Amino acid sequence: MAEQETTPDVALNGSQDGIPEVGAIAQYIKDLSAENPSAPQVFQWPTTPQLDVQFNINVNRISEEVHEVILRIELKASSDQGAHFLVDLAYAGLFGLRNIPDEALPPFLLVEAPRLLFPFARQVVAEAVQNLGFPPVLLDPIDFGAAYMAQIEAANAQPGDGDQALADAEPAGNA
């Protein structure tokens, strides 16, 4: 007689003991734009472009236990001659969260989840730049914790209800 095994899904779905659970369900490119607006002239320009990198984090509640975290990275290389290249990436992940206290949701969704997504988004950006005909750009790591803390401080400095301002604020930062 064979013993019946419990699969991890059944064990997670059957959890009734209130233990906090977090799981990455999926990650994907939600939107990607890569442009080389000055080709072919750009390849004859003698100057090295300046890079401008911006990042933004959005969170969408999909269901009671599933959140979509979108890490948006905008990379622009330009010089006095014009734009060398532009890359705009929205890289997302679906995260399942069960039995997580409300006060622990923002730190996870705005710090830990983007930290988990960043290496994959960084690779997509590097390959996009390389496919535009330039050497790949390897983005420096982003300190999502510091960006989150700066956002909290800014929200608390605003007059009015600081908690509501934080809840309504769209996380953003610069790298």
C-alpha atoms as a PDB file:
ATOM      1  CA  MET A   1       0.000   0.000   0.000  1.00  0.00           C
ATOM      2  CA  ALA A   2       1.522   3.327  -1.080  1.00  0.00           C
ATOM      3  CA  GLU A   3       1.570   6.248   1.300  1.00  0.00           C
ATOM      4  CA  GLN A   4      -0.052   9.453   0.118  1.00  0.00           C
ATOM      5  CA  GLU A   5       2.381  12.371  -0.039  1.00  0.00           C
ATOM      6  CA  THR A   6       1.428  15.949   0.701  1.00  0.00           C
ATOM      7  CA  THR A   7       2.584  18.346  -1.993  1.00  0.00           C
ATOM      8  CA  PRO A   8       4.009  21.741  -1.008  1.00  0.00           C
ATOM      9  CA  ASP A   9       0.983  23.466  -2.591  1.00  0.00           C
ATOM     10  CA  VAL A  10      -1.411  21.456  -0.481  1.00  0.00           C
ATOM     11  CA  ALA A  11       0.638  22.171   2.639  1.00  0.00           C
ATOM     12  CA  LEU A  12       0.697  25.921   1.903  1.00  0.00           C
ATOM     13  CA  ASN A  13      -2.951  26.101   0.871  1.00  0.00           C
ATOM     14  CA  GLY A  14      -3.998  24.068   3.861  1.00  0.00           C
ATOM     15  CA  SER A  15      -2.141  26.194   6.406  1.00  0.00           C
ATOM     16  CA  GLN A  16      -4.592  27.148   9.128  1.00  0.00           C
ATOM     17  CA  ASP A  17      -2.174  27.947  11.923  1.00  0.00           C
ATOM     18  CA  GLY A  18      -1.639  31.658  11.154  1.00  0.00           C
ATOM     19  CA  ILE A  19       2.032  31.294  10.280  1.00  0.00           C
ATOM     20  CA  PRO A  20       3.143  34.125   7.952  1.00  0.00           C
ATOM     21  CA  GLU A  21       3.843  32.879   4.439  1.00  0.00           C
ATOM     22  CA  VAL A  22       5.404  34.663   1.461  1.00  0.00           C
ATOM     23  CA  GLY A  23       5.962  33.266  -1.995  1.00  0.00           C
ATOM     24  CA  ALA A  24       7.006  34.538  -5.394  1.00  0.00           C
ATOM     25  CA  ILE A  25       4.362  33.349  -7.836  1.00  0.00           C
ATOM     26  CA  ALA A  26       5.733  34.789 -11.107  1.00  0.00           C
ATOM     27  CA  GLN A  27       7.949  37.495 -12.532  1.00  0.00           C
ATOM     28  CA  TYR A  28       7.709  39.016 -15.971  1.00  0.00           C
ATOM     29  CA  ILE A  29       8.353  41.947 -18.277  1.00  0.00           C
ATOM     30  CA  LYS A  30       5.200  44.028 -18.142  1.00  0.00           C
ATOM     31  CA  ASP A  31       6.459  46.653 -20.600  1.00  0.00           C
ATOM     32  CA  LEU A  32       9.754  47.271 -22.380  1.00  0.00           C
ATOM     33  CA  SER A  33      10.759  50.069 -24.702  1.00  0.00           C
ATOM     34  CA  ALA A  34      14.284  50.301 -26.102  1.00  0.00           C
ATOM     35  CA  GLU A  35      15.087  53.085 -28.540  1.00  0.00           C
ATOM     36  CA  ASN A  36      18.097  54.220 -30.507  1.00  0.00           C
ATOM     37  CA  PRO A  37      16.652  57.498 -31.834  1.00  0.00           C
ATOM     38  CA  SER A  38      19.875  58.885 -33.305  1.00  0.00           C
ATOM     39  CA  ALA A  39      21.024  55.831 -35.268  1.00  0.00           C
ATOM     40  CA  PRO A  40      23.116  55.564 -37.344  1.00  0.00           C
ATOM     41  CA  GLN A  41      24.788  58.935 -36.590  1.00  0.00           C
ATOM     42  CA  VAL A  42      25.154  58.110 -32.887  1.00  0.00           C
ATOM     43  CA  PHE A  43      27.829  55.510 -33.676  1.00  0.00           C
ATOM     44  CA  GLN A  44      30.081  58.250 -35.081  1.00  0.00           C
ATOM     45  CA  TRP A  45      29.765  60.629 -32.137  1.00  0.00           C
ATOM     46  CA  PRO A  46      33.085  60.955 -30.283  1.00  0.00           C
ATOM     47  CA  THR A  47      31.638  61.759 -26.845  1.00  0.00           C
ATOM     48  CA  THR A  48      30.743  59.390 -24.052  1.00  0.00           C
ATOM     49  CA  PRO A  49      27.123  59.900 -22.998  1.00  0.00           C
ATOM     50  CA  GLN A  50      25.919  60.770 -19.531  1.00  0.00           C
ATOM     51  CA  LEU A  51      23.569  58.194 -18.020  1.00  0.00           C
ATOM     52  CA  ASP A  52      20.403  59.182 -16.185  1.00  0.00           C
ATOM     53  CA  VAL A  53      18.734  56.347 -14.262  1.00  0.00           C
ATOM     54  CA  GLN A  54      15.347  56.686 -12.588  1.00  0.00           C
ATOM     55  CA  PHE A  55      13.392  54.017 -10.754  1.00  0.00           C
ATOM     56  CA  ASN A  56       9.865  53.777  -9.451  1.00  0.00           C
ATOM     57  CA  ILE A  57       7.950  51.106  -7.562  1.00  0.00           C
ATOM     58  CA  ASN A  58       4.211  50.512  -7.891  1.00  0.00           C
ATOM     59  CA  VAL A  59       2.134  47.965  -6.007  1.00  0.00           C
ATOM     60  CA  ASN A  60      -1.226  46.635  -7.170  1.00  0.00           C
ATOM     61  CA  ARG A  61      -3.399  44.457  -4.964  1.00  0.00           C
ATOM     62  CA  ILE A  62      -4.613  41.620  -7.185  1.00  0.00           C
ATOM     63  CA  SER A  63      -6.526  39.763  -4.480  1.00  0.00           C
ATOM     64  CA  GLU A  64      -6.555  39.459  -0.712  1.00  0.00           C
ATOM     65  CA  GLU A  65      -3.348  37.399  -0.748  1.00  0.00           C
ATOM     66  CA  VAL A  66      -1.684  38.377  -4.065  1.00  0.00           C
ATOM     67  CA  HIS A  67       0.121  41.631  -4.870  1.00  0.00           C
ATOM     68  CA  GLU A  68       1.811  42.734  -8.081  1.00  0.00           C
ATOM     69  CA  VAL A  69       5.010  44.711  -7.542  1.00  0.00           C
ATOM     70  CA  ILE A  70       6.218  46.675 -10.566  1.00  0.00           C
ATOM     71  CA  LEU A  71       9.798  47.918 -10.678  1.00  0.00           C
ATOM     72  CA  ARG A  72      10.101  50.559 -13.375  1.00  0.00           C
ATOM     73  CA  ILE A  73      13.569  51.520 -14.548  1.00  0.00           C
ATOM     74  CA  GLU A  74      14.178  54.351 -17.006  1.00  0.00           C
ATOM     75  CA  LEU A  75      17.641  54.689 -18.474  1.00  0.00           C
ATOM     76  CA  LYS A  76      18.616  57.554 -20.752  1.00  0.00           C
ATOM     77  CA  ALA A  77      22.048  58.098 -22.284  1.00  0.00           C
ATOM     78  CA  SER A  78      22.646  61.498 -23.857  1.00  0.00           C
ATOM     79  CA  SER A  79      25.375  63.941 -24.764  1.00  0.00           C
ATOM     80  CA  ASP A  80      25.562  67.382 -26.353  1.00  0.00           C
ATOM     81  CA  GLN A  81      24.926  65.731 -29.738  1.00  0.00           C
ATOM     82  CA  GLY A  82      21.598  64.236 -28.566  1.00  0.00           C
ATOM     83  CA  ALA A  83      20.042  61.063 -27.204  1.00  0.00           C
ATOM     84  CA  HIS A  84      22.224  57.973 -27.583  1.00  0.00           C
ATOM     85  CA  PHE A  85      19.627  55.500 -26.309  1.00  0.00           C
ATOM     86  CA  LEU A  86      16.537  55.191 -24.122  1.00  0.00           C
ATOM     87  CA  VAL A  87      15.370  52.122 -22.221  1.00  0.00           C
ATOM     88  CA  ASP A  88      12.120  52.062 -20.259  1.00  0.00           C
ATOM     89  CA  LEU A  89      11.386  48.809 -18.425  1.00  0.00           C
ATOM     90  CA  ALA A  90       8.458  47.819 -16.222  1.00  0.00           C
ATOM     91  CA  TYR A  91       9.465  44.514 -14.608  1.00  0.00           C
ATOM     92  CA  ALA A  92       6.859  42.935 -12.365  1.00  0.00           C
ATOM     93  CA  GLY A  93       6.424  40.133  -9.905  1.00  0.00           C
ATOM     94  CA  LEU A  94       3.399  38.504  -8.331  1.00  0.00           C
ATOM     95  CA  PHE A  95       3.829  37.773  -4.649  1.00  0.00           C
ATOM     96  CA  GLY A  96       1.563  35.668  -2.486  1.00  0.00           C
ATOM     97  CA  LEU A  97       1.314  36.912   1.093  1.00  0.00           C
ATOM     98  CA  ARG A  98      -0.644  35.106   3.768  1.00  0.00           C
ATOM     99  CA  ASN A  99      -0.966  35.924   7.483  1.00  0.00           C
ATOM    100  CA  ILE A 100       1.271  38.992   7.166  1.00  0.00           C
ATOM    101  CA  PRO A 101       0.483  41.813   9.618  1.00  0.00           C
ATOM    102  CA  ASP A 102      -0.670  45.030   7.894  1.00  0.00           C
ATOM    103  CA  GLU A 103       2.327  46.955   9.234  1.00  0.00           C
ATOM    104  CA  ALA A 104       4.706  44.450   7.599  1.00  0.00           C
ATOM    105  CA  LEU A 105       3.165  44.718   4.103  1.00  0.00           C
ATOM    106  CA  PRO A 106       4.740  48.035   2.990  1.00  0.00           C
ATOM    107  CA  PRO A 107       8.302  47.066   3.971  1.00  0.00           C
ATOM    108  CA  PHE A 108       7.980  43.768   2.116  1.00  0.00           C
ATOM    109  CA  LEU A 109       6.229  45.141  -0.963  1.00  0.00           C
ATOM    110  CA  LEU A 110       8.383  48.293  -1.288  1.00  0.00           C
ATOM    111  CA  VAL A 111      11.771  46.983  -0.145  1.00  0.00           C
ATOM    112  CA  GLU A 112      12.107  43.216  -0.194  1.00  0.00           C
ATOM    113  CA  ALA A 113      10.055  42.434  -3.323  1.00  0.00           C
ATOM    114  CA  PRO A 114      11.884  45.020  -5.497  1.00  0.00           C
ATOM    115  CA  ARG A 115      15.195  43.745  -4.119  1.00  0.00           C
ATOM    116  CA  LEU A 116      14.244  40.263  -5.346  1.00  0.00           C
ATOM    117  CA  LEU A 117      13.174  41.573  -8.779  1.00  0.00           C
ATOM    118  CA  PHE A 118      16.141  43.906  -9.369  1.00  0.00           C
ATOM    119  CA  PRO A 119      18.785  41.399 -10.563  1.00  0.00           C
ATOM    120  CA  PHE A 120      16.438  40.139 -13.278  1.00  0.00           C
ATOM    121  CA  ALA A 121      15.412  43.658 -14.313  1.00  0.00           C
ATOM    122  CA  ARG A 122      19.089  44.647 -14.395  1.00  0.00           C
ATOM    123  CA  GLN A 123      19.796  41.806 -16.827  1.00  0.00           C
ATOM    124  CA  VAL A 124      16.907  42.844 -19.095  1.00  0.00           C
ATOM    125  CA  VAL A 125      18.230  46.433 -19.182  1.00  0.00           C
ATOM    126  CA  ALA A 126      21.785  45.273 -19.948  1.00  0.00           C
ATOM    127  CA  GLU A 127      20.610  43.073 -22.820  1.00  0.00           C
ATOM    128  CA  ALA A 128      18.323  45.797 -24.211  1.00  0.00           C
ATOM    129  CA  VAL A 129      21.199  48.308 -24.305  1.00  0.00           C
ATOM    130  CA  GLN A 130      23.455  45.720 -25.944  1.00  0.00           C
ATOM    131  CA  ASN A 131      20.765  44.968 -28.542  1.00  0.00           C
ATOM    132  CA  LEU A 132      20.711  48.696 -29.371  1.00  0.00           C
ATOM    133  CA  GLY A 133      24.367  48.420 -30.427  1.00  0.00           C
ATOM    134  CA  PHE A 134      26.065  49.716 -27.270  1.00  0.00           C
ATOM    135  CA  PRO A 135      28.079  48.018 -24.538  1.00  0.00           C
ATOM    136  CA  PRO A 136      25.727  46.584 -21.888  1.00  0.00           C
ATOM    137  CA  VAL A 137      24.968  48.853 -18.952  1.00  0.00           C
ATOM    138  CA  LEU A 138      25.190  47.047 -15.610  1.00  0.00           C
ATOM    139  CA  LEU A 139      23.168  49.107 -13.173  1.00  0.00           C
ATOM    140  CA  ASP A 140      24.541  49.600  -9.680  1.00  0.00           C
ATOM    141  CA  PRO A 141      22.484  47.967  -6.924  1.00  0.00           C
ATOM    142  CA  ILE A 142      19.658  50.115  -5.565  1.00  0.00           C
ATOM    143  CA  ASP A 143      19.198  50.540  -1.826  1.00  0.00           C
ATOM    144  CA  PHE A 144      15.423  50.090  -1.702  1.00  0.00           C
ATOM    145  CA  GLY A 145      15.484  50.278   2.100  1.00  0.00           C
ATOM    146  CA  ALA A 146      17.012  53.760   2.051  1.00  0.00           C
ATOM    147  CA  ALA A 147      14.523  54.894  -0.611  1.00  0.00           C
ATOM    148  CA  TYR A 148      11.649  53.552   1.497  1.00  0.00           C
ATOM    149  CA  MET A 149      12.925  55.287   4.640  1.00  0.00           C
ATOM    150  CA  ALA A 150      13.344  58.572   2.728  1.00  0.00           C
ATOM    151  CA  GLN A 151       9.737  58.262   1.555  1.00  0.00           C
ATOM    152  CA  ILE A 152       8.520  57.677   5.123  1.00  0.00           C
ATOM    153  CA  GLU A 153      10.473  60.703   6.354  1.00  0.00           C
ATOM    154  CA  ALA A 154       9.075  62.861   3.539  1.00  0.00           C
ATOM    155  CA  ALA A 155       5.523  61.692   4.292  1.00  0.00           C
ATOM    156  CA  ASN A 156       5.957  62.400   8.002  1.00  0.00           C
ATOM    157  CA  ALA A 157       7.305  65.887   7.242  1.00  0.00           C
ATOM    158  CA  GLN A 158       4.140  66.801   5.323  1.00  0.00           C
ATOM    159  CA  PRO A 159       1.375  68.484   7.308  1.00  0.00           C
ATOM    160  CA  GLY A 160      -1.679  66.357   7.937  1.00  0.00           C
ATOM    161  CA  ASP A 161      -2.031  62.642   8.399  1.00  0.00           C
ATOM    162  CA  GLY A 162       1.414  61.169   7.734  1.00  0.00           C
ATOM    163  CA  ASP A 163       0.100  57.604   7.603  1.00  0.00           C
ATOM    164  CA  GLN A 164      -2.436  58.452   4.914  1.00  0.00           C
ATOM    165  CA  ALA A 165       0.190  60.414   2.954  1.00  0.00           C
ATOM    166  CA  LEU A 166       2.434  57.340   3.030  1.00  0.00           C
ATOM    167  CA  ALA A 167      -0.413  55.091   1.948  1.00  0.00           C
ATOM    168  CA  ASP A 168      -1.262  57.398  -0.976  1.00  0.00           C
ATOM    169  CA  ALA A 169       2.324  58.149  -2.018  1.00  0.00           C
ATOM    170  CA  GLU A 170       3.709  56.482  -5.101  1.00  0.00           C
ATOM    171  CA  PRO A 171       7.132  55.084  -4.232  1.00  0.00           C
ATOM    172  CA  ALA A 172       9.853  56.556  -6.375  1.00  0.00           C
ATOM    173  CA  GLY A 173      13.548  57.176  -6.309  1.00  0.00           C
ATOM    174  CA  ASN A 174      16.659  57.892  -8.238  1.00  0.00           C
ATOM    175  CA  ALA A 175      19.723  55.794  -8.657  1.00  0.00           C
END
